[in-house]
Amino acid sequence: MKADIHPDYHKIKVVMTDGTTFETYSTWGKEGDTLTLEIDPKSHPAWTGGAQRLVDKGGQVARFQKRFGSFTLKR
């Protein structure tokens, strides 16, 4: 392998959005740096299921009927 082509792999501290911390190894920053997350798996809707949009079933059906209710299929 070529010498000096790999980044420095060292221990950092990660702070989650709720304040919990853990130590891990990374190429980010320098030895002992703290990485503060703005989005993490505990708070992001992609991982938590998020605030799902509640759909008014009657409203969508009524809107469809209003737009296309006058069309008929001819045999």
N, C-alpha and C. Protein backbone atom coordinates (compact mmCIF):
# COMPACT_ATOMS: atom_id res chain seq x y z
N MET A 1 0.83 -1.19 0.00
CA MET A 1 0.00 0.00 0.00
C MET A 1 0.87 1.25 0.00
N LYS A 2 0.34 2.31 -0.58
CA LYS A 2 1.07 3.58 -0.57
C LYS A 2 1.04 4.18 0.83
N ALA A 3 2.11 4.81 1.20
CA ALA A 3 2.18 5.46 2.51
C ALA A 3 1.51 6.83 2.47
N ASP A 4 0.91 7.23 3.58
CA ASP A 4 0.33 8.56 3.78
C ASP A 4 -0.81 8.91 2.84
N ILE A 5 -1.58 7.92 2.40
CA ILE A 5 -2.74 8.26 1.57
C ILE A 5 -4.05 8.11 2.34
N HIS A 6 -4.01 7.46 3.49
CA HIS A 6 -5.23 7.25 4.26
C HIS A 6 -5.42 8.37 5.27
N PRO A 7 -6.68 8.81 5.48
CA PRO A 7 -6.93 9.87 6.46
C PRO A 7 -6.69 9.38 7.89
N ASP A 8 -6.47 10.31 8.78
CA ASP A 8 -6.26 9.99 10.19
C ASP A 8 -7.56 9.51 10.81
N TYR A 9 -7.54 8.35 11.42
CA TYR A 9 -8.70 7.73 12.04
C TYR A 9 -8.53 7.84 13.56
N HIS A 10 -9.42 8.57 14.22
CA HIS A 10 -9.23 8.89 15.63
C HIS A 10 -10.56 8.92 16.36
N LYS A 11 -10.51 9.04 17.70
CA LYS A 11 -11.71 9.03 18.54
C LYS A 11 -12.28 10.44 18.65
N ILE A 12 -13.61 10.57 18.44
CA ILE A 12 -14.32 11.84 18.62
C ILE A 12 -15.53 11.60 19.51
N LYS A 13 -16.12 12.68 19.99
CA LYS A 13 -17.34 12.61 20.80
C LYS A 13 -18.49 13.15 19.96
N VAL A 14 -19.61 12.45 19.94
CA VAL A 14 -20.80 12.85 19.18
C VAL A 14 -21.89 13.23 20.17
N VAL A 15 -22.49 14.41 19.99
CA VAL A 15 -23.58 14.87 20.84
C VAL A 15 -24.86 14.85 20.01
N MET A 16 -25.83 14.04 20.45
CA MET A 16 -27.12 13.94 19.76
C MET A 16 -27.97 15.17 20.07
N THR A 17 -29.10 15.31 19.37
CA THR A 17 -29.96 16.48 19.56
C THR A 17 -30.60 16.51 20.95
N ASP A 18 -30.77 15.35 21.58
CA ASP A 18 -31.38 15.33 22.92
C ASP A 18 -30.34 15.47 24.03
N GLY A 19 -29.06 15.67 23.65
CA GLY A 19 -28.02 15.90 24.64
C GLY A 19 -27.22 14.67 25.01
N THR A 20 -27.66 13.49 24.60
CA THR A 20 -26.88 12.29 24.90
C THR A 20 -25.59 12.30 24.08
N THR A 21 -24.56 11.68 24.62
CA THR A 21 -23.27 11.66 23.94
C THR A 21 -22.74 10.24 23.86
N PHE A 22 -21.87 10.01 22.88
CA PHE A 22 -21.14 8.75 22.79
C PHE A 22 -19.84 9.02 22.05
N GLU A 23 -18.89 8.11 22.24
CA GLU A 23 -17.61 8.23 21.57
C GLU A 23 -17.52 7.20 20.46
N THR A 24 -16.92 7.61 19.35
CA THR A 24 -16.75 6.73 18.22
C THR A 24 -15.46 7.10 17.50
N TYR A 25 -15.06 6.29 16.56
CA TYR A 25 -13.90 6.59 15.75
C TYR A 25 -14.36 7.15 14.41
N SER A 26 -13.64 8.15 13.90
CA SER A 26 -14.02 8.82 12.66
C SER A 26 -12.82 9.49 12.03
N THR A 27 -12.99 9.89 10.77
CA THR A 27 -11.98 10.70 10.10
C THR A 27 -12.33 12.18 10.17
N TRP A 28 -13.48 12.50 10.79
CA TRP A 28 -13.94 13.88 10.92
C TRP A 28 -13.13 14.60 11.99
N GLY A 29 -12.74 15.83 11.76
CA GLY A 29 -12.10 16.66 12.77
C GLY A 29 -10.74 16.14 13.22
N LYS A 30 -10.42 16.47 14.48
CA LYS A 30 -9.16 16.04 15.08
C LYS A 30 -9.46 15.20 16.31
N GLU A 31 -8.45 14.54 16.83
CA GLU A 31 -8.58 13.73 18.03
C GLU A 31 -9.22 14.54 19.15
N GLY A 32 -10.32 14.02 19.74
CA GLY A 32 -10.97 14.67 20.86
C GLY A 32 -12.00 15.73 20.50
N ASP A 33 -12.21 16.03 19.20
CA ASP A 33 -13.23 17.02 18.81
C ASP A 33 -14.62 16.52 19.14
N THR A 34 -15.56 17.46 19.23
CA THR A 34 -16.96 17.14 19.50
C THR A 34 -17.80 17.47 18.28
N LEU A 35 -18.55 16.48 17.79
CA LEU A 35 -19.45 16.65 16.65
C LEU A 35 -20.86 16.80 17.22
N THR A 36 -21.48 17.96 17.04
CA THR A 36 -22.84 18.20 17.52
C THR A 36 -23.80 18.04 16.35
N LEU A 37 -24.72 17.11 16.48
CA LEU A 37 -25.67 16.82 15.40
C LEU A 37 -26.87 17.75 15.45
N GLU A 38 -27.33 18.19 14.29
CA GLU A 38 -28.56 18.98 14.19
C GLU A 38 -29.75 18.07 13.93
N ILE A 39 -29.49 16.95 13.24
CA ILE A 39 -30.52 15.97 12.93
C ILE A 39 -29.93 14.61 13.26
N ASP A 40 -30.72 13.78 13.92
CA ASP A 40 -30.25 12.43 14.23
C ASP A 40 -31.41 11.44 14.15
N PRO A 41 -31.13 10.15 14.20
CA PRO A 41 -32.18 9.14 14.06
C PRO A 41 -33.26 9.21 15.14
N LYS A 42 -32.99 9.83 16.28
CA LYS A 42 -34.00 9.92 17.33
C LYS A 42 -35.01 11.03 17.06
N SER A 43 -34.66 12.00 16.20
CA SER A 43 -35.54 13.14 16.01
C SER A 43 -36.00 13.34 14.57
N HIS A 44 -35.37 12.71 13.60
CA HIS A 44 -35.71 12.95 12.20
C HIS A 44 -36.90 12.11 11.76
N PRO A 45 -37.86 12.71 11.06
CA PRO A 45 -39.07 11.98 10.65
C PRO A 45 -38.80 10.75 9.78
N ALA A 46 -37.69 10.75 9.04
CA ALA A 46 -37.40 9.59 8.19
C ALA A 46 -37.18 8.34 9.03
N TRP A 47 -36.67 8.46 10.25
CA TRP A 47 -36.43 7.32 11.12
C TRP A 47 -37.55 7.12 12.12
N THR A 48 -38.22 8.18 12.54
CA THR A 48 -39.23 8.06 13.59
C THR A 48 -40.63 7.83 13.05
N GLY A 49 -40.83 7.97 11.75
CA GLY A 49 -42.16 7.85 11.19
C GLY A 49 -42.79 9.21 11.03
N GLY A 50 -42.30 10.18 11.76
CA GLY A 50 -42.70 11.57 11.60
C GLY A 50 -44.16 11.86 11.81
N ALA A 51 -44.47 13.10 11.66
CA ALA A 51 -45.86 13.54 11.74
C ALA A 51 -46.49 13.25 10.40
N GLN A 52 -47.23 12.15 10.35
CA GLN A 52 -47.84 11.77 9.09
C GLN A 52 -49.02 12.67 8.80
N ARG A 53 -49.17 12.99 7.53
CA ARG A 53 -50.27 13.85 7.11
C ARG A 53 -51.55 13.03 7.12
N LEU A 54 -52.52 13.47 7.88
CA LEU A 54 -53.81 12.79 7.90
C LEU A 54 -54.63 13.27 6.71
N VAL A 55 -55.09 12.32 5.93
CA VAL A 55 -55.83 12.64 4.72
C VAL A 55 -57.32 12.51 4.99
N ASP A 56 -58.05 13.52 4.64
CA ASP A 56 -59.50 13.49 4.74
C ASP A 56 -60.02 12.67 3.57
N LYS A 57 -60.36 11.41 3.82
CA LYS A 57 -60.75 10.51 2.74
C LYS A 57 -61.97 11.05 1.99
N GLY A 58 -62.94 11.52 2.72
CA GLY A 58 -64.14 12.05 2.08
C GLY A 58 -63.83 13.28 1.25
N GLY A 59 -62.91 14.08 1.69
CA GLY A 59 -62.55 15.30 0.97
C GLY A 59 -61.92 15.01 -0.37
N GLN A 60 -61.03 14.02 -0.42
CA GLN A 60 -60.38 13.69 -1.70
C GLN A 60 -61.36 13.02 -2.65
N VAL A 61 -62.19 12.15 -2.12
CA VAL A 61 -63.18 11.49 -2.96
C VAL A 61 -64.18 12.52 -3.48
N ALA A 62 -64.61 13.41 -2.61
CA ALA A 62 -65.57 14.44 -3.02
C ALA A 62 -64.96 15.35 -4.09
N ARG A 63 -63.69 15.69 -3.94
CA ARG A 63 -63.01 16.54 -4.93
C ARG A 63 -62.92 15.81 -6.28
N PHE A 64 -62.64 14.51 -6.25
CA PHE A 64 -62.57 13.71 -7.47
C PHE A 64 -63.94 13.65 -8.14
N GLN A 65 -64.98 13.39 -7.34
CA GLN A 65 -66.33 13.32 -7.90
C GLN A 65 -66.75 14.65 -8.50
N LYS A 66 -66.35 15.73 -7.88
CA LYS A 66 -66.69 17.05 -8.39
C LYS A 66 -66.03 17.30 -9.74
N ARG A 67 -64.78 16.89 -9.88
CA ARG A 67 -64.05 17.12 -11.12
C ARG A 67 -64.46 16.16 -12.23
N PHE A 68 -64.66 14.88 -11.90
CA PHE A 68 -64.85 13.87 -12.92
C PHE A 68 -66.19 13.14 -12.84
N GLY A 69 -67.06 13.58 -11.98
CA GLY A 69 -68.34 12.90 -11.80
C GLY A 69 -69.25 12.97 -13.01
N SER A 70 -69.10 13.96 -13.85
CA SER A 70 -69.98 14.11 -15.00
C SER A 70 -69.56 13.23 -16.18
N PHE A 71 -68.37 12.66 -16.13
CA PHE A 71 -67.91 11.79 -17.22
C PHE A 71 -68.58 10.43 -17.10
N THR A 72 -68.99 9.88 -18.24
CA THR A 72 -69.59 8.56 -18.25
C THR A 72 -68.87 7.69 -19.28
N LEU A 73 -68.92 6.39 -19.08
CA LEU A 73 -68.32 5.46 -20.03
C LEU A 73 -69.39 5.00 -20.98
N LYS A 74 -69.12 5.11 -22.25
CA LYS A 74 -70.09 4.66 -23.27
C LYS A 74 -69.73 3.26 -23.72
N ARG A 75 -70.76 2.44 -23.91
CA ARG A 75 -70.53 1.06 -24.36
C ARG A 75 -70.83 0.92 -25.79
